[in-house]
Amino acid sequence: LVLFPFVHLSDKIGDPNITMKIMEDFHGKLLSFGYAVDRAPFGWEKVFSLTSKGHPLAESSRTIRP
């Protein structure tokens, strides 16, 4: 697993200090369950490329809240 903070996908941006703490805690919890986990650096500019066959409008972003 890779924990990758994509702030631009959210309509509600949290406090960076709190967010970093949550990411650190989540990373530690996943490691304790035996998962192989990496974290992308927080605040860095990222590039993500994905090529696939399909309709040009077949991708979307979702926000799921409790």
PDB file of N, CA and C in Angstrom:
ATOM      1  N   LEU A   1       0.829  -1.171   0.000  1.00  0.00           N
ATOM      2  CA  LEU A   1       0.000   0.000   0.000  1.00  0.00           C
ATOM      3  C   LEU A   1       0.877   1.239   0.000  1.00  0.00           C
ATOM      4  N   VAL A   2       0.381   2.292  -0.629  1.00  0.00           N
ATOM      5  CA  VAL A   2       1.061   3.587  -0.579  1.00  0.00           C
ATOM      6  C   VAL A   2       0.054   4.625  -0.108  1.00  0.00           C
ATOM      7  N   LEU A   3       0.362   5.304   0.985  1.00  0.00           N
ATOM      8  CA  LEU A   3      -0.477   6.400   1.467  1.00  0.00           C
ATOM      9  C   LEU A   3      -0.031   7.655   0.740  1.00  0.00           C
ATOM     10  N   PHE A   4      -0.964   8.234  -0.006  1.00  0.00           N
ATOM     11  CA  PHE A   4      -0.639   9.331  -0.909  1.00  0.00           C
ATOM     12  C   PHE A   4      -1.599  10.482  -0.650  1.00  0.00           C
ATOM     13  N   PRO A   5      -1.161  11.572  -0.029  1.00  0.00           N
ATOM     14  CA  PRO A   5      -2.069  12.680   0.275  1.00  0.00           C
ATOM     15  C   PRO A   5      -2.371  13.527  -0.964  1.00  0.00           C
ATOM     16  N   PHE A   6      -3.604  13.438  -1.437  1.00  0.00           N
ATOM     17  CA  PHE A   6      -4.052  14.226  -2.587  1.00  0.00           C
ATOM     18  C   PHE A   6      -5.008  15.302  -2.098  1.00  0.00           C
ATOM     19  N   VAL A   7      -4.499  16.421  -1.634  1.00  0.00           N
ATOM     20  CA  VAL A   7      -5.350  17.466  -1.071  1.00  0.00           C
ATOM     21  C   VAL A   7      -6.277  18.070  -2.125  1.00  0.00           C
ATOM     22  N   HIS A   8      -5.865  18.104  -3.375  1.00  0.00           N
ATOM     23  CA  HIS A   8      -6.680  18.745  -4.406  1.00  0.00           C
ATOM     24  C   HIS A   8      -7.941  17.952  -4.755  1.00  0.00           C
ATOM     25  N   LEU A   9      -8.089  16.726  -4.241  1.00  0.00           N
ATOM     26  CA  LEU A   9      -9.292  15.941  -4.517  1.00  0.00           C
ATOM     27  C   LEU A   9     -10.404  16.206  -3.509  1.00  0.00           C
ATOM     28  N   SER A  10     -10.141  17.016  -2.514  1.00  0.00           N
ATOM     29  CA  SER A  10     -11.124  17.260  -1.460  1.00  0.00           C
ATOM     30  C   SER A  10     -11.704  18.662  -1.554  1.00  0.00           C
ATOM     31  N   ASP A  11     -12.959  18.784  -1.145  1.00  0.00           N
ATOM     32  CA  ASP A  11     -13.569  20.109  -1.073  1.00  0.00           C
ATOM     33  C   ASP A  11     -13.430  20.709   0.324  1.00  0.00           C
ATOM     34  N   LYS A  12     -12.905  19.915   1.279  1.00  0.00           N
ATOM     35  CA  LYS A  12     -12.681  20.387   2.648  1.00  0.00           C
ATOM     36  C   LYS A  12     -11.242  20.058   3.048  1.00  0.00           C
ATOM     37  N   ILE A  13     -10.383  21.066   3.028  1.00  0.00           N
ATOM     38  CA  ILE A  13      -8.963  20.863   3.312  1.00  0.00           C
ATOM     39  C   ILE A  13      -8.721  21.008   4.812  1.00  0.00           C
ATOM     40  N   GLY A  14      -8.082  20.010   5.401  1.00  0.00           N
ATOM     41  CA  GLY A  14      -7.809  20.011   6.833  1.00  0.00           C
ATOM     42  C   GLY A  14      -6.514  20.720   7.182  1.00  0.00           C
ATOM     43  N   ASP A  15      -6.299  20.903   8.465  1.00  0.00           N
ATOM     44  CA  ASP A  15      -5.070  21.491   8.981  1.00  0.00           C
ATOM     45  C   ASP A  15      -3.900  20.561   8.651  1.00  0.00           C
ATOM     46  N   PRO A  16      -2.829  21.073   8.023  1.00  0.00           N
ATOM     47  CA  PRO A  16      -1.708  20.210   7.626  1.00  0.00           C
ATOM     48  C   PRO A  16      -1.073  19.448   8.788  1.00  0.00           C
ATOM     49  N   ASN A  17      -0.948  20.078   9.963  1.00  0.00           N
ATOM     50  CA  ASN A  17      -0.335  19.400  11.109  1.00  0.00           C
ATOM     51  C   ASN A  17      -1.182  18.221  11.580  1.00  0.00           C
ATOM     52  N   ILE A  18      -2.483  18.415  11.631  1.00  0.00           N
ATOM     53  CA  ILE A  18      -3.384  17.332  12.036  1.00  0.00           C
ATOM     54  C   ILE A  18      -3.377  16.229  10.986  1.00  0.00           C
ATOM     55  N   THR A  19      -3.393  16.638   9.723  1.00  0.00           N
ATOM     56  CA  THR A  19      -3.395  15.665   8.628  1.00  0.00           C
ATOM     57  C   THR A  19      -2.126  14.818   8.642  1.00  0.00           C
ATOM     58  N   MET A  20      -0.977  15.444   8.872  1.00  0.00           N
ATOM     59  CA  MET A  20       0.277  14.687   8.933  1.00  0.00           C
ATOM     60  C   MET A  20       0.253  13.690  10.085  1.00  0.00           C
ATOM     61  N   LYS A  21      -0.298  14.090  11.230  1.00  0.00           N
ATOM     62  CA  LYS A  21      -0.397  13.192  12.386  1.00  0.00           C
ATOM     63  C   LYS A  21      -1.298  12.002  12.059  1.00  0.00           C
ATOM     64  N   ILE A  22      -2.431  12.254  11.406  1.00  0.00           N
ATOM     65  CA  ILE A  22      -3.343  11.172  11.012  1.00  0.00           C
ATOM     66  C   ILE A  22      -2.640  10.209  10.063  1.00  0.00           C
ATOM     67  N   MET A  23      -1.906  10.760   9.083  1.00  0.00           N
ATOM     68  CA  MET A  23      -1.180   9.914   8.126  1.00  0.00           C
ATOM     69  C   MET A  23      -0.131   9.057   8.842  1.00  0.00           C
ATOM     70  N   GLU A  24       0.586   9.649   9.785  1.00  0.00           N
ATOM     71  CA  GLU A  24       1.600   8.899  10.543  1.00  0.00           C
ATOM     72  C   GLU A  24       0.955   7.785  11.367  1.00  0.00           C
ATOM     73  N   ASP A  25      -0.155   8.105  12.036  1.00  0.00           N
ATOM     74  CA  ASP A  25      -0.852   7.101  12.852  1.00  0.00           C
ATOM     75  C   ASP A  25      -1.406   5.969  11.986  1.00  0.00           C
ATOM     76  N   PHE A  26      -1.998   6.326  10.847  1.00  0.00           N
ATOM     77  CA  PHE A  26      -2.563   5.327   9.939  1.00  0.00           C
ATOM     78  C   PHE A  26      -1.458   4.429   9.389  1.00  0.00           C
ATOM     79  N   HIS A  27      -0.325   5.028   9.039  1.00  0.00           N
ATOM     80  CA  HIS A  27       0.831   4.274   8.544  1.00  0.00           C
ATOM     81  C   HIS A  27       1.287   3.261   9.594  1.00  0.00           C
ATOM     82  N   GLY A  28       1.423   3.719  10.831  1.00  0.00           N
ATOM     83  CA  GLY A  28       1.845   2.830  11.914  1.00  0.00           C
ATOM     84  C   GLY A  28       0.857   1.711  12.168  1.00  0.00           C
ATOM     85  N   LYS A  29      -0.430   2.018  12.118  1.00  0.00           N
ATOM     86  CA  LYS A  29      -1.466   1.007  12.354  1.00  0.00           C
ATOM     87  C   LYS A  29      -1.421  -0.060  11.257  1.00  0.00           C
ATOM     88  N   LEU A  30      -1.292   0.359   9.999  1.00  0.00           N
ATOM     89  CA  LEU A  30      -1.216  -0.609   8.901  1.00  0.00           C
ATOM     90  C   LEU A  30       0.025  -1.490   9.035  1.00  0.00           C
ATOM     91  N   LEU A  31       1.154  -0.891   9.418  1.00  0.00           N
ATOM     92  CA  LEU A  31       2.371  -1.681   9.634  1.00  0.00           C
ATOM     93  C   LEU A  31       2.166  -2.703  10.745  1.00  0.00           C
ATOM     94  N   SER A  32       1.470  -2.306  11.818  1.00  0.00           N
ATOM     95  CA  SER A  32       1.253  -3.222  12.945  1.00  0.00           C
ATOM     96  C   SER A  32       0.372  -4.409  12.559  1.00  0.00           C
ATOM     97  N   PHE A  33      -0.447  -4.240  11.516  1.00  0.00           N
ATOM     98  CA  PHE A  33      -1.273  -5.339  11.017  1.00  0.00           C
ATOM     99  C   PHE A  33      -0.532  -6.187   9.984  1.00  0.00           C
ATOM    100  N   GLY A  34       0.735  -5.846   9.717  1.00  0.00           N
ATOM    101  CA  GLY A  34       1.547  -6.650   8.819  1.00  0.00           C
ATOM    102  C   GLY A  34       1.526  -6.228   7.360  1.00  0.00           C
ATOM    103  N   TYR A  35       0.930  -5.087   7.057  1.00  0.00           N
ATOM    104  CA  TYR A  35       0.910  -4.613   5.673  1.00  0.00           C
ATOM    105  C   TYR A  35       2.255  -3.994   5.306  1.00  0.00           C
ATOM    106  N   ALA A  36       2.645  -4.144   4.050  1.00  0.00           N
ATOM    107  CA  ALA A  36       3.802  -3.433   3.513  1.00  0.00           C
ATOM    108  C   ALA A  36       3.288  -2.061   3.084  1.00  0.00           C
ATOM    109  N   VAL A  37       3.754  -1.011   3.745  1.00  0.00           N
ATOM    110  CA  VAL A  37       3.196   0.330   3.534  1.00  0.00           C
ATOM    111  C   VAL A  37       4.311   1.336   3.306  1.00  0.00           C
ATOM    112  N   ASP A  38       4.112   2.209   2.337  1.00  0.00           N
ATOM    113  CA  ASP A  38       4.987   3.354   2.112  1.00  0.00           C
ATOM    114  C   ASP A  38       4.134   4.611   2.169  1.00  0.00           C
ATOM    115  N   ARG A  39       4.793   5.732   2.440  1.00  0.00           N
ATOM    116  CA  ARG A  39       4.104   7.022   2.451  1.00  0.00           C
ATOM    117  C   ARG A  39       4.781   7.950   1.468  1.00  0.00           C
ATOM    118  N   ALA A  40       3.986   8.609   0.646  1.00  0.00           N
ATOM    119  CA  ALA A  40       4.531   9.654  -0.210  1.00  0.00           C
ATOM    120  C   ALA A  40       4.806  10.874   0.664  1.00  0.00           C
ATOM    121  N   PRO A  41       5.833  11.650   0.358  1.00  0.00           N
ATOM    122  CA  PRO A  41       6.133  12.833   1.165  1.00  0.00           C
ATOM    123  C   PRO A  41       4.963  13.816   1.171  1.00  0.00           C
ATOM    124  N   PHE A  42       4.633  14.312   2.338  1.00  0.00           N
ATOM    125  CA  PHE A  42       3.525  15.250   2.499  1.00  0.00           C
ATOM    126  C   PHE A  42       3.944  16.624   1.981  1.00  0.00           C
ATOM    127  N   GLY A  43       3.111  17.213   1.123  1.00  0.00           N
ATOM    128  CA  GLY A  43       3.374  18.557   0.626  1.00  0.00           C
ATOM    129  C   GLY A  43       4.209  18.631  -0.637  1.00  0.00           C
ATOM    130  N   TRP A  44       4.688  17.514  -1.115  1.00  0.00           N
ATOM    131  CA  TRP A  44       5.459  17.530  -2.351  1.00  0.00           C
ATOM    132  C   TRP A  44       4.524  17.578  -3.541  1.00  0.00           C
ATOM    133  N   GLU A  45       5.016  18.104  -4.624  1.00  0.00           N
ATOM    134  CA  GLU A  45       4.292  18.078  -5.888  1.00  0.00           C
ATOM    135  C   GLU A  45       4.376  16.663  -6.431  1.00  0.00           C
ATOM    136  N   LYS A  46       3.266  16.119  -6.876  1.00  0.00           N
ATOM    137  CA  LYS A  46       3.238  14.720  -7.315  1.00  0.00           C
ATOM    138  C   LYS A  46       2.746  14.613  -8.758  1.00  0.00           C
ATOM    139  N   VAL A  47       3.181  13.573  -9.424  1.00  0.00           N
ATOM    140  CA  VAL A  47       2.702  13.262 -10.761  1.00  0.00           C
ATOM    141  C   VAL A  47       2.224  11.825 -10.744  1.00  0.00           C
ATOM    142  N   PHE A  48       1.023  11.615 -11.244  1.00  0.00           N
ATOM    143  CA  PHE A  48       0.463  10.271 -11.316  1.00  0.00           C
ATOM    144  C   PHE A  48      -0.076  10.082 -12.721  1.00  0.00           C
ATOM    145  N   SER A  49       0.452   9.122 -13.441  1.00  0.00           N
ATOM    146  CA  SER A  49       0.009   8.850 -14.802  1.00  0.00           C
ATOM    147  C   SER A  49      -0.612   7.472 -14.868  1.00  0.00           C
ATOM    148  N   LEU A  50      -1.728   7.391 -15.555  1.00  0.00           N
ATOM    149  CA  LEU A  50      -2.414   6.118 -15.722  1.00  0.00           C
ATOM    150  C   LEU A  50      -2.972   6.073 -17.130  1.00  0.00           C
ATOM    151  N   THR A  51      -2.664   5.021 -17.842  1.00  0.00           N
ATOM    152  CA  THR A  51      -3.181   4.843 -19.184  1.00  0.00           C
ATOM    153  C   THR A  51      -4.046   3.598 -19.197  1.00  0.00           C
ATOM    154  N   SER A  52      -5.251   3.741 -19.728  1.00  0.00           N
ATOM    155  CA  SER A  52      -6.145   2.587 -19.817  1.00  0.00           C
ATOM    156  C   SER A  52      -7.091   2.772 -20.991  1.00  0.00           C
ATOM    157  N   LYS A  53      -7.620   1.665 -21.447  1.00  0.00           N
ATOM    158  CA  LYS A  53      -8.623   1.715 -22.499  1.00  0.00           C
ATOM    159  C   LYS A  53      -9.972   1.975 -21.847  1.00  0.00           C
ATOM    160  N   GLY A  54     -10.794   2.720 -22.507  1.00  0.00           N
ATOM    161  CA  GLY A  54     -12.118   2.985 -21.963  1.00  0.00           C
ATOM    162  C   GLY A  54     -12.646   4.327 -22.437  1.00  0.00           C
ATOM    163  N   HIS A  55     -13.864   4.604 -22.064  1.00  0.00           N
ATOM    164  CA  HIS A  55     -14.518   5.851 -22.430  1.00  0.00           C
ATOM    165  C   HIS A  55     -13.807   7.018 -21.741  1.00  0.00           C
ATOM    166  N   PRO A  56     -13.633   8.152 -22.424  1.00  0.00           N
ATOM    167  CA  PRO A  56     -12.928   9.287 -21.826  1.00  0.00           C
ATOM    168  C   PRO A  56     -13.570   9.804 -20.530  1.00  0.00           C
ATOM    169  N   LEU A  57     -14.856   9.587 -20.344  1.00  0.00           N
ATOM    170  CA  LEU A  57     -15.535  10.062 -19.135  1.00  0.00           C
ATOM    171  C   LEU A  57     -15.753   8.947 -18.116  1.00  0.00           C
ATOM    172  N   ALA A  58     -15.000   7.848 -18.235  1.00  0.00           N
ATOM    173  CA  ALA A  58     -15.208   6.682 -17.369  1.00  0.00           C
ATOM    174  C   ALA A  58     -14.460   6.773 -16.040  1.00  0.00           C
ATOM    175  N   GLU A  59     -13.834   7.893 -15.740  1.00  0.00           N
ATOM    176  CA  GLU A  59     -13.145   8.022 -14.456  1.00  0.00           C
ATOM    177  C   GLU A  59     -13.828   9.107 -13.635  1.00  0.00           C
ATOM    178  N   SER A  60     -13.766   8.950 -12.321  1.00  0.00           N
ATOM    179  CA  SER A  60     -14.391   9.933 -11.440  1.00  0.00           C
ATOM    180  C   SER A  60     -13.714   9.912 -10.081  1.00  0.00           C
ATOM    181  N   SER A  61     -13.976  10.936  -9.309  1.00  0.00           N
ATOM    182  CA  SER A  61     -13.463  11.032  -7.945  1.00  0.00           C
ATOM    183  C   SER A  61     -14.650  11.024  -6.996  1.00  0.00           C
ATOM    184  N   ARG A  62     -14.505  10.350  -5.859  1.00  0.00           N
ATOM    185  CA  ARG A  62     -15.588  10.264  -4.876  1.00  0.00           C
ATOM    186  C   ARG A  62     -15.069  10.707  -3.515  1.00  0.00           C
ATOM    187  N   THR A  63     -15.913  11.374  -2.767  1.00  0.00           N
ATOM    188  CA  THR A  63     -15.642  11.699  -1.374  1.00  0.00           C
ATOM    189  C   THR A  63     -16.624  10.903  -0.537  1.00  0.00           C
ATOM    190  N   ILE A  64     -16.100  10.081   0.376  1.00  0.00           N
ATOM    191  CA  ILE A  64     -16.946   9.234   1.219  1.00  0.00           C
ATOM    192  C   ILE A  64     -16.775   9.692   2.656  1.00  0.00           C
ATOM    193  N   ARG A  65     -17.885  10.036   3.271  1.00  0.00           N
ATOM    194  CA  ARG A  65     -17.851  10.511   4.658  1.00  0.00           C
ATOM    195  C   ARG A  65     -18.748   9.640   5.517  1.00  0.00           C
ATOM    196  N   PRO A  66     -18.407   9.506   6.810  1.00  0.00           N
ATOM    197  CA  PRO A  66     -19.272   8.707   7.699  1.00  0.00           C
ATOM    198  C   PRO A  66     -20.620   9.379   7.916  1.00  0.00           C
TER     199      PRO A  66
END
